N, C-alpha and C. Protein backbone atom coordinates (compact mmCIF):
# COMPACT_ATOMS: atom_id res chain seq x y z
N UNK A 1 -21.86 4.44 -17.17
CA UNK A 1 -20.54 5.19 -16.90
C UNK A 1 -20.62 5.84 -15.85
N UNK A 2 -21.60 6.36 -15.31
CA UNK A 2 -21.66 7.25 -14.21
C UNK A 2 -21.52 6.31 -12.98
N UNK A 3 -21.94 5.03 -12.97
CA UNK A 3 -21.68 4.27 -11.88
C UNK A 3 -20.15 3.78 -11.92
N UNK A 4 -19.51 3.56 -12.83
CA UNK A 4 -18.22 3.34 -12.88
C UNK A 4 -17.35 4.43 -12.27
N UNK A 5 -17.76 5.70 -12.81
CA UNK A 5 -17.02 6.87 -12.14
C UNK A 5 -17.22 6.83 -10.58
N UNK A 6 -18.56 6.62 -10.34
CA UNK A 6 -18.88 6.84 -8.76
C UNK A 6 -18.15 5.58 -7.86
N UNK A 7 -18.06 4.49 -8.37
CA UNK A 7 -17.09 3.55 -7.95
C UNK A 7 -15.50 3.80 -7.81
N UNK A 8 -15.19 4.34 -8.89
CA UNK A 8 -13.63 4.84 -8.80
C UNK A 8 -13.34 5.96 -7.92
N UNK A 9 -14.42 6.81 -7.96
CA UNK A 9 -14.38 8.03 -7.17
C UNK A 9 -14.33 7.57 -5.49
N UNK A 10 -15.17 6.61 -5.24
CA UNK A 10 -15.28 6.09 -3.81
C UNK A 10 -14.07 5.44 -3.46
N UNK A 11 -13.44 4.41 -4.32
CA UNK A 11 -12.30 3.99 -3.96
C UNK A 11 -11.06 4.85 -3.74
N UNK A 12 -11.05 5.92 -4.62
CA UNK A 12 -9.98 7.04 -4.57
C UNK A 12 -10.11 7.57 -3.20
N UNK A 13 -11.29 8.02 -2.66
CA UNK A 13 -11.59 8.65 -1.57
C UNK A 13 -11.08 7.85 -0.32
N UNK A 14 -11.18 6.50 -0.47
CA UNK A 14 -10.88 5.57 0.81
C UNK A 14 -9.21 5.45 0.82
N UNK A 15 -8.70 5.32 -0.26
CA UNK A 15 -7.30 5.18 -0.33
C UNK A 15 -6.47 6.63 -0.06
N UNK A 16 -7.29 7.69 -0.36
CA UNK A 16 -6.68 8.96 -0.04
C UNK A 16 -7.03 9.36 1.45
N UNK A 17 -8.04 9.08 1.93
CA UNK A 17 -8.18 9.19 3.44
C UNK A 17 -7.24 8.30 4.16
N UNK A 18 -7.10 6.88 3.58
CA UNK A 18 -6.13 6.07 4.66
C UNK A 18 -4.73 6.66 4.55
N UNK A 19 -4.28 6.90 3.24
CA UNK A 19 -2.83 7.46 3.05
C UNK A 19 -2.51 8.64 3.73
N UNK A 20 -3.64 9.61 3.85
CA UNK A 20 -3.45 10.94 4.65
C UNK A 20 -3.34 10.56 6.23
N UNK A 21 -4.00 9.48 6.64
CA UNK A 21 -3.85 9.14 8.05
C UNK A 21 -2.60 8.33 8.41
N UNK A 22 -2.30 7.49 7.36
CA UNK A 22 -0.90 6.80 7.53
C UNK A 22 0.21 7.60 7.43
N UNK A 23 0.16 8.64 6.66
CA UNK A 23 1.34 9.51 6.62
C UNK A 23 1.85 10.02 8.05
N UNK A 24 0.86 10.09 9.12
CA UNK A 24 1.16 10.48 10.25
C UNK A 24 2.10 9.57 11.02
N UNK A 25 2.03 8.36 10.54
CA UNK A 25 2.83 7.39 11.09
C UNK A 25 4.46 7.66 10.93
N UNK A 26 4.64 8.45 9.82
CA UNK A 26 5.99 8.87 9.50
C UNK A 26 6.61 9.59 10.62
N UNK A 27 5.70 10.42 11.13
CA UNK A 27 6.02 11.29 12.33
C UNK A 27 6.45 10.53 13.58
N UNK A 28 5.60 9.52 13.84
CA UNK A 28 5.83 8.50 14.94
C UNK A 28 7.04 7.94 14.68
N UNK A 29 7.33 7.38 13.51
CA UNK A 29 8.50 6.54 13.21
C UNK A 29 9.78 7.53 13.39
N UNK A 30 9.72 8.66 13.07
CA UNK A 30 10.82 9.63 13.25
C UNK A 30 11.07 9.78 14.81
N UNK A 31 10.09 9.93 15.66
CA UNK A 31 10.31 9.96 16.99
C UNK A 31 10.84 8.83 17.68
N UNK A 32 10.41 7.64 17.21
CA UNK A 32 10.85 6.32 17.69
C UNK A 32 12.22 6.14 17.29
N UNK A 33 12.76 6.57 16.08
CA UNK A 33 14.07 6.36 15.66
C UNK A 33 14.94 7.38 16.57
N UNK A 34 14.53 8.58 16.79
CA UNK A 34 15.27 9.72 17.61
C UNK A 34 15.29 9.24 19.07
N UNK A 35 14.43 8.34 19.59
CA UNK A 35 14.50 7.96 21.02
C UNK A 35 15.52 6.85 20.96
N UNK A 36 15.53 5.96 20.05
CA UNK A 36 16.43 4.88 19.82
C UNK A 36 17.84 5.30 19.80
N UNK A 37 17.94 6.27 18.81
CA UNK A 37 19.41 6.64 18.73
C UNK A 37 19.85 7.30 20.05
N UNK A 38 19.06 8.06 20.54
CA UNK A 38 19.37 8.87 21.90
C UNK A 38 19.65 7.91 22.91
N UNK A 39 18.98 6.90 23.03
CA UNK A 39 19.18 5.71 24.01
C UNK A 39 20.40 4.99 23.74
N UNK A 40 20.82 4.88 22.43
CA UNK A 40 22.02 4.02 22.08
C UNK A 40 23.16 4.89 22.36
N UNK A 41 23.27 6.10 21.92
CA UNK A 41 24.24 7.11 22.00
C UNK A 41 24.64 7.65 23.37
N UNK A 42 23.50 7.86 24.18
CA UNK A 42 23.77 8.44 25.44
C UNK A 42 24.01 7.50 26.65
N UNK A 43 23.16 6.37 26.42
CA UNK A 43 23.07 5.45 27.43
C UNK A 43 23.48 4.03 27.07
N UNK A 44 23.87 3.90 25.83
CA UNK A 44 24.53 2.69 25.42
C UNK A 44 23.75 1.45 25.57
N UNK A 45 22.29 1.77 25.32
CA UNK A 45 21.26 0.59 25.53
C UNK A 45 20.19 0.83 24.60
N UNK A 46 19.58 -0.37 24.26
CA UNK A 46 18.36 -0.46 23.38
C UNK A 46 17.41 -1.57 23.71
N UNK A 47 16.42 -1.66 23.32
CA UNK A 47 15.43 -2.88 23.59
C UNK A 47 14.91 -3.38 22.24
N UNK A 48 14.61 -4.66 22.29
CA UNK A 48 13.97 -5.34 21.20
C UNK A 48 12.73 -4.67 20.63
N UNK A 49 11.94 -4.30 21.73
CA UNK A 49 10.57 -3.80 21.28
C UNK A 49 10.67 -2.31 20.50
N UNK A 50 11.62 -1.67 20.70
CA UNK A 50 12.01 -0.50 20.03
C UNK A 50 12.24 -0.70 18.57
N UNK A 51 13.31 -1.58 18.46
CA UNK A 51 13.72 -1.97 17.23
C UNK A 51 12.51 -2.50 16.30
N UNK A 52 11.72 -3.37 16.98
CA UNK A 52 10.75 -4.05 16.34
C UNK A 52 9.54 -2.70 16.09
N UNK A 53 9.19 -2.06 16.82
CA UNK A 53 8.39 -0.88 16.59
C UNK A 53 8.72 -0.11 15.39
N UNK A 54 10.19 0.05 15.20
CA UNK A 54 10.64 0.93 14.02
C UNK A 54 10.31 0.23 12.81
N UNK A 55 10.44 -1.11 12.76
CA UNK A 55 10.22 -2.03 11.67
C UNK A 55 8.75 -2.03 11.41
N UNK A 56 7.94 -2.15 12.46
CA UNK A 56 6.49 -2.27 12.32
C UNK A 56 5.93 -1.11 11.69
N UNK A 57 6.39 0.09 12.08
CA UNK A 57 5.94 1.56 11.72
C UNK A 57 6.31 1.57 10.28
N UNK A 58 7.38 1.26 9.96
CA UNK A 58 7.84 1.34 8.61
C UNK A 58 7.00 0.35 7.54
N UNK A 59 6.59 -0.78 8.18
CA UNK A 59 5.86 -1.74 7.35
C UNK A 59 4.40 -1.12 7.12
N UNK A 60 3.95 -0.42 8.22
CA UNK A 60 2.58 -0.05 8.15
C UNK A 60 2.48 1.11 7.16
N UNK A 61 3.51 2.02 7.03
CA UNK A 61 3.64 3.05 6.24
C UNK A 61 3.66 2.49 4.84
N UNK A 62 4.39 1.68 4.47
CA UNK A 62 4.63 0.88 3.25
C UNK A 62 3.44 0.25 2.58
N UNK A 63 2.99 -0.63 3.50
CA UNK A 63 1.72 -1.40 3.20
C UNK A 63 0.41 -0.72 3.06
N UNK A 64 0.20 0.00 4.16
CA UNK A 64 -1.17 0.87 4.11
C UNK A 64 -1.05 2.11 3.15
N UNK A 65 0.07 2.59 2.76
CA UNK A 65 0.31 3.51 1.80
C UNK A 65 0.36 3.22 0.40
N UNK A 66 0.39 1.91 0.25
CA UNK A 66 0.67 1.44 -1.35
C UNK A 66 -0.47 1.80 -2.25
N UNK A 67 -1.79 1.73 -1.70
CA UNK A 67 -2.97 2.13 -2.56
C UNK A 67 -2.89 3.69 -2.87
N UNK A 68 -2.47 4.54 -1.78
CA UNK A 68 -2.42 5.90 -1.75
C UNK A 68 -1.28 6.28 -2.86
N UNK A 69 -0.14 5.60 -2.92
CA UNK A 69 0.82 5.89 -3.69
C UNK A 69 0.49 5.60 -5.18
N UNK A 70 -0.43 4.48 -5.43
CA UNK A 70 -0.82 4.27 -6.69
C UNK A 70 -1.78 5.18 -7.27
N UNK A 71 -2.63 5.58 -6.25
CA UNK A 71 -3.69 6.83 -6.62
C UNK A 71 -2.93 7.99 -7.13
N UNK A 72 -1.89 8.33 -6.56
CA UNK A 72 -1.25 9.75 -6.92
C UNK A 72 -0.14 9.43 -7.84
N UNK A 73 -0.22 8.21 -8.50
CA UNK A 73 0.82 8.09 -9.57
C UNK A 73 2.29 8.34 -9.09
N UNK A 74 2.73 7.74 -7.94
CA UNK A 74 3.89 7.96 -7.33
C UNK A 74 4.70 6.69 -7.24
N UNK A 75 4.02 5.73 -7.65
CA UNK A 75 4.92 4.31 -7.89
C UNK A 75 6.05 4.41 -8.98
N UNK A 76 6.76 3.43 -8.85
CA UNK A 76 7.83 3.20 -9.81
C UNK A 76 7.28 2.73 -11.18
N UNK A 77 7.94 3.41 -12.07
CA UNK A 77 7.47 3.19 -13.47
C UNK A 77 8.43 3.52 -14.41
N UNK A 78 8.63 2.73 -15.47
CA UNK A 78 9.63 2.91 -16.36
C UNK A 78 8.99 3.69 -17.53
N UNK A 79 9.38 4.93 -17.74
CA UNK A 79 8.55 5.87 -18.68
C UNK A 79 9.33 6.08 -20.04
N UNK A 80 10.16 5.06 -20.28
CA UNK A 80 10.91 5.20 -21.65
C UNK A 80 10.03 5.35 -22.82
N UNK A 81 9.18 4.39 -22.91
CA UNK A 81 8.04 4.48 -24.08
C UNK A 81 6.73 5.00 -23.67
N UNK A 82 6.39 4.88 -22.45
CA UNK A 82 5.06 5.17 -21.94
C UNK A 82 4.90 6.77 -22.02
N UNK A 83 5.71 7.58 -21.63
CA UNK A 83 5.67 9.12 -21.52
C UNK A 83 5.41 9.60 -22.82
N UNK A 84 5.58 8.97 -24.05
CA UNK A 84 5.41 9.62 -25.32
C UNK A 84 4.05 9.20 -25.90
N UNK A 85 3.40 8.36 -25.30
CA UNK A 85 2.15 7.70 -25.75
C UNK A 85 0.91 8.77 -25.47
N UNK A 86 -0.20 8.65 -26.32
CA UNK A 86 -1.41 9.30 -26.18
C UNK A 86 -2.05 8.99 -24.92
N UNK A 87 -3.19 9.71 -24.50
CA UNK A 87 -3.84 9.22 -23.39
C UNK A 87 -4.51 7.82 -23.62
N UNK A 88 -4.98 7.68 -24.81
CA UNK A 88 -5.77 6.42 -25.04
C UNK A 88 -4.79 5.19 -24.88
N UNK A 89 -3.53 5.39 -25.71
CA UNK A 89 -2.46 4.32 -25.45
C UNK A 89 -1.96 3.98 -24.19
N UNK A 90 -1.89 5.09 -23.31
CA UNK A 90 -1.51 5.00 -21.86
C UNK A 90 -2.63 4.34 -21.24
N UNK A 91 -3.78 4.53 -21.42
CA UNK A 91 -5.12 3.78 -20.92
C UNK A 91 -4.72 2.35 -21.24
N UNK A 92 -4.64 1.91 -22.39
CA UNK A 92 -4.44 0.54 -22.84
C UNK A 92 -3.41 -0.03 -22.09
N UNK A 93 -2.31 0.66 -22.00
CA UNK A 93 -0.99 0.01 -21.35
C UNK A 93 -1.35 -0.13 -19.96
N UNK A 94 -1.90 0.76 -19.26
CA UNK A 94 -2.25 0.71 -17.75
C UNK A 94 -3.24 -0.47 -17.73
N UNK A 95 -4.22 -0.55 -18.55
CA UNK A 95 -5.50 -1.53 -18.20
C UNK A 95 -4.65 -3.14 -18.51
N UNK A 96 -3.91 -3.14 -19.44
CA UNK A 96 -3.18 -4.39 -19.75
C UNK A 96 -2.38 -4.75 -18.47
N UNK A 97 -1.65 -3.81 -17.94
CA UNK A 97 -0.83 -4.00 -16.90
C UNK A 97 -1.44 -4.34 -15.49
N UNK A 98 -2.54 -3.66 -15.34
CA UNK A 98 -3.27 -3.99 -14.16
C UNK A 98 -3.94 -5.30 -14.23
N UNK A 99 -4.54 -5.63 -15.36
CA UNK A 99 -5.35 -7.00 -15.43
C UNK A 99 -4.36 -7.95 -15.54
N UNK A 100 -3.36 -8.08 -16.38
CA UNK A 100 -2.41 -9.07 -16.63
C UNK A 100 -1.14 -9.20 -15.58
N UNK A 101 -0.98 -8.11 -14.94
CA UNK A 101 0.20 -8.16 -13.92
C UNK A 101 -0.08 -7.91 -12.55
N UNK A 102 -0.72 -6.81 -12.37
CA UNK A 102 -1.05 -6.46 -11.05
C UNK A 102 -2.07 -7.31 -10.25
N UNK A 103 -3.31 -7.53 -10.87
CA UNK A 103 -4.32 -8.50 -10.23
C UNK A 103 -3.83 -9.79 -10.02
N UNK A 104 -3.23 -10.55 -11.04
CA UNK A 104 -2.86 -12.06 -10.50
C UNK A 104 -2.00 -11.91 -9.49
N UNK A 105 -0.92 -11.15 -9.33
CA UNK A 105 -0.01 -11.18 -8.24
C UNK A 105 -0.52 -10.74 -6.97
N UNK A 106 -1.32 -9.90 -7.13
CA UNK A 106 -2.15 -9.27 -5.63
C UNK A 106 -2.87 -10.35 -5.19
N UNK A 107 -3.67 -11.21 -6.20
CA UNK A 107 -4.57 -12.30 -5.57
C UNK A 107 -3.80 -13.31 -5.15
N UNK A 108 -2.66 -13.58 -5.76
CA UNK A 108 -1.97 -14.73 -5.23
C UNK A 108 -1.02 -14.54 -4.09
N UNK A 109 -0.61 -13.18 -3.81
CA UNK A 109 0.12 -12.85 -2.63
C UNK A 109 -1.15 -12.82 -1.40
N UNK A 110 -2.14 -12.19 -1.96
CA UNK A 110 -3.19 -11.96 -0.85
C UNK A 110 -3.64 -13.48 -0.32
N UNK A 111 -3.85 -14.40 -1.14
CA UNK A 111 -4.28 -15.57 -0.66
C UNK A 111 -3.27 -16.21 0.31
N UNK A 112 -2.02 -16.26 -0.07
CA UNK A 112 -0.87 -16.73 0.91
C UNK A 112 -0.82 -15.82 2.14
N UNK A 113 -0.96 -14.51 1.97
CA UNK A 113 -0.82 -13.86 3.12
C UNK A 113 -1.65 -13.84 4.23
N UNK A 114 -3.01 -14.01 3.75
CA UNK A 114 -4.20 -14.49 4.67
C UNK A 114 -3.93 -15.68 5.43
N UNK A 115 -3.52 -16.85 4.72
CA UNK A 115 -3.02 -18.10 5.39
C UNK A 115 -1.80 -17.81 6.29
N UNK A 116 -1.01 -17.04 5.95
CA UNK A 116 0.20 -16.73 6.81
C UNK A 116 -0.32 -16.18 8.09
N UNK A 117 -1.11 -15.10 7.94
CA UNK A 117 -1.58 -14.39 9.15
C UNK A 117 -2.48 -15.19 9.92
N UNK A 118 -3.25 -15.96 9.32
CA UNK A 118 -4.21 -16.75 10.24
C UNK A 118 -3.56 -17.91 10.94
N UNK A 119 -2.55 -18.43 10.38
CA UNK A 119 -1.70 -19.46 11.30
C UNK A 119 -1.11 -18.80 12.33
N UNK A 120 -0.61 -17.57 12.07
CA UNK A 120 0.14 -16.79 13.21
C UNK A 120 -1.01 -16.42 14.27
N UNK A 121 -2.15 -16.09 13.86
CA UNK A 121 -3.20 -15.64 14.89
C UNK A 121 -3.54 -16.99 15.69
N UNK A 122 -3.64 -18.09 14.99
CA UNK A 122 -4.08 -19.40 15.77
C UNK A 122 -2.94 -19.65 16.77
N UNK A 123 -1.87 -19.35 16.55
CA UNK A 123 -0.67 -19.67 17.60
C UNK A 123 -0.53 -18.53 18.54
N UNK A 124 -1.42 -17.49 18.25
CA UNK A 124 -1.03 -16.29 19.25
C UNK A 124 0.31 -15.80 19.10
N UNK A 125 0.85 -15.68 17.89
CA UNK A 125 2.27 -15.42 17.75
C UNK A 125 2.65 -14.12 18.21
N UNK A 126 3.68 -14.07 18.87
CA UNK A 126 4.33 -12.72 19.31
C UNK A 126 5.90 -12.73 18.74
N UNK A 127 6.47 -11.74 19.36
CA UNK A 127 7.92 -11.75 18.95
C UNK A 127 8.78 -12.83 19.46
N UNK A 128 9.91 -13.32 18.75
CA UNK A 128 10.61 -14.26 19.25
C UNK A 128 11.63 -13.69 20.35
N UNK A 129 11.78 -12.42 20.53
CA UNK A 129 12.39 -11.87 21.56
C UNK A 129 11.79 -11.71 22.76
N UNK A 130 12.43 -11.90 23.95
CA UNK A 130 11.96 -11.84 25.17
C UNK A 130 11.16 -10.50 25.44
N UNK A 131 11.79 -9.39 25.12
CA UNK A 131 11.07 -8.09 25.40
C UNK A 131 10.56 -7.38 24.04
N UNK A 132 10.15 -8.31 23.27
CA UNK A 132 9.73 -7.80 21.90
C UNK A 132 8.16 -7.51 22.01
N UNK A 133 7.63 -7.15 20.92
CA UNK A 133 6.16 -6.77 20.82
C UNK A 133 5.42 -7.93 20.74
N UNK A 134 4.08 -7.89 21.40
CA UNK A 134 3.35 -8.99 21.30
C UNK A 134 2.44 -8.95 20.00
N UNK A 135 1.46 -9.84 19.87
CA UNK A 135 0.46 -9.88 18.87
C UNK A 135 1.26 -9.61 17.43
N UNK A 136 2.27 -10.43 17.10
CA UNK A 136 2.87 -10.31 15.78
C UNK A 136 1.84 -10.40 14.74
N UNK A 137 0.76 -11.35 15.04
CA UNK A 137 -0.18 -11.65 13.92
C UNK A 137 -0.82 -10.44 13.38
N UNK A 138 -1.03 -9.49 14.22
CA UNK A 138 -1.50 -8.07 13.55
C UNK A 138 -0.79 -7.55 12.52
N UNK A 139 0.62 -7.51 12.57
CA UNK A 139 1.30 -7.21 11.67
C UNK A 139 1.19 -7.93 10.37
N UNK A 140 1.13 -9.16 10.52
CA UNK A 140 0.93 -10.15 9.43
C UNK A 140 -0.41 -9.97 8.78
N UNK A 141 -1.52 -9.63 9.52
CA UNK A 141 -2.88 -9.27 8.74
C UNK A 141 -2.65 -7.93 8.01
N UNK A 142 -1.71 -6.99 8.54
CA UNK A 142 -1.66 -5.58 7.78
C UNK A 142 -1.12 -5.98 6.43
N UNK A 143 -0.29 -7.15 6.21
CA UNK A 143 0.08 -7.36 4.79
C UNK A 143 -1.18 -7.64 3.87
N UNK A 144 -2.26 -8.21 4.37
CA UNK A 144 -3.34 -8.67 3.60
C UNK A 144 -4.10 -7.26 3.41
N UNK A 145 -4.29 -6.53 4.41
CA UNK A 145 -5.02 -5.29 4.38
C UNK A 145 -4.38 -4.42 3.18
N UNK A 146 -3.04 -4.26 3.34
CA UNK A 146 -2.36 -3.30 2.24
C UNK A 146 -2.49 -3.89 0.88
N UNK A 147 -2.44 -5.21 0.58
CA UNK A 147 -2.77 -5.85 -0.62
C UNK A 147 -4.14 -5.47 -1.12
N UNK A 148 -5.00 -5.61 -0.20
CA UNK A 148 -6.43 -5.39 -0.69
C UNK A 148 -6.50 -3.85 -1.04
N UNK A 149 -5.99 -2.93 -0.19
CA UNK A 149 -6.20 -1.48 -0.67
C UNK A 149 -5.60 -1.21 -1.94
N UNK A 150 -4.56 -1.82 -2.33
CA UNK A 150 -3.69 -1.83 -3.55
C UNK A 150 -4.66 -2.44 -4.64
N UNK A 151 -5.34 -3.43 -4.38
CA UNK A 151 -6.25 -4.16 -5.44
C UNK A 151 -7.37 -3.25 -5.55
N UNK A 152 -7.88 -2.64 -4.61
CA UNK A 152 -8.96 -1.59 -4.77
C UNK A 152 -8.64 -0.65 -5.77
N UNK A 153 -7.33 0.07 -5.46
CA UNK A 153 -6.90 1.12 -6.24
C UNK A 153 -6.68 0.53 -7.79
N UNK A 154 -6.22 -0.54 -7.95
CA UNK A 154 -6.18 -1.23 -9.13
C UNK A 154 -7.48 -1.28 -9.78
N UNK A 155 -8.57 -1.52 -9.19
CA UNK A 155 -9.85 -1.57 -9.81
C UNK A 155 -10.05 -0.20 -10.15
N UNK A 156 -9.97 0.74 -9.29
CA UNK A 156 -10.22 2.22 -9.58
C UNK A 156 -9.43 2.66 -10.82
N UNK A 157 -8.09 2.31 -11.06
CA UNK A 157 -7.26 2.84 -12.04
C UNK A 157 -7.72 1.91 -13.34
N UNK A 158 -8.20 0.85 -13.16
CA UNK A 158 -8.55 0.02 -14.43
C UNK A 158 -10.00 0.70 -14.92
N UNK A 159 -10.79 1.16 -14.06
CA UNK A 159 -11.97 1.67 -14.44
C UNK A 159 -11.65 3.15 -15.11
N UNK A 160 -10.83 3.88 -14.67
CA UNK A 160 -10.45 5.08 -15.24
C UNK A 160 -9.83 4.91 -16.69
N UNK A 161 -9.18 3.84 -16.75
CA UNK A 161 -8.40 3.55 -18.14
C UNK A 161 -9.51 3.08 -19.09
N UNK A 162 -10.56 2.35 -18.60
CA UNK A 162 -11.70 2.02 -19.52
C UNK A 162 -12.43 3.28 -19.84
N UNK A 163 -12.57 4.35 -18.77
CA UNK A 163 -13.37 5.46 -19.21
C UNK A 163 -12.72 6.35 -20.30
N UNK A 164 -11.25 6.25 -20.23
CA UNK A 164 -10.35 6.92 -21.16
C UNK A 164 -10.70 6.41 -22.60
N UNK A 165 -10.58 5.14 -22.53
CA UNK A 165 -10.66 4.43 -23.84
C UNK A 165 -12.04 4.53 -24.48
N UNK A 166 -13.01 4.70 -23.58
CA UNK A 166 -14.48 4.90 -24.11
C UNK A 166 -14.74 6.42 -24.30
N UNK A 167 -13.70 7.42 -24.00
CA UNK A 167 -13.84 8.82 -24.48
C UNK A 167 -14.10 9.83 -23.48
N UNK A 168 -13.92 9.40 -22.30
CA UNK A 168 -14.20 10.28 -21.15
C UNK A 168 -13.06 11.37 -21.14
N UNK A 169 -13.56 12.62 -21.06
CA UNK A 169 -12.80 13.98 -21.31
C UNK A 169 -12.08 14.04 -19.93
N UNK A 170 -12.75 13.71 -18.75
CA UNK A 170 -12.54 14.08 -17.37
C UNK A 170 -11.08 13.24 -17.05
N UNK A 171 -10.93 12.06 -17.26
CA UNK A 171 -9.76 11.28 -16.95
C UNK A 171 -8.77 11.50 -18.20
N UNK A 172 -9.07 11.76 -19.34
CA UNK A 172 -8.06 11.92 -20.43
C UNK A 172 -7.19 13.00 -20.08
N UNK A 173 -7.79 14.11 -19.62
CA UNK A 173 -7.02 15.34 -19.19
C UNK A 173 -6.02 15.07 -18.08
N UNK A 174 -6.46 14.28 -17.12
CA UNK A 174 -5.61 14.08 -15.94
C UNK A 174 -4.33 13.06 -16.31
N UNK A 175 -4.51 12.44 -17.31
CA UNK A 175 -3.45 11.33 -17.59
C UNK A 175 -2.31 11.90 -18.31
């Protein structure tokens, strides 16, 4: 039980650390959007690289922050029935959802995202726009990294559910 708790805690620390660092990309995104708006409104001009940078920053925030979001229970959930359940019933629901829904989809999408990014890397793919950003394959690899972080957080949450089912007081009170 202690080893499972340590594994879960280690994964939580990784995703928490990454989430805190990635949150600063929101500030960067705001600055880039403001720059883009000012250029459009004051000078009636914009460039493809600025628009692409906005999309890439948003994607980084979304993809790399998914595990952090799951860790802090800020993901979308339909609580119609779930909210009224006991801690053990919630743990069973969470465990079933993680094992039967989250893991299969993450593994499937991860497999194809790695292939997608690898093909992009082999082509040294960049933006299709003449003044766009280079190394588009780096963004594509971020998809796989984000999925992996979400998978790790799924492992942590599954461990917590198992510990609740086994009678752990620590996680039962948090749930």
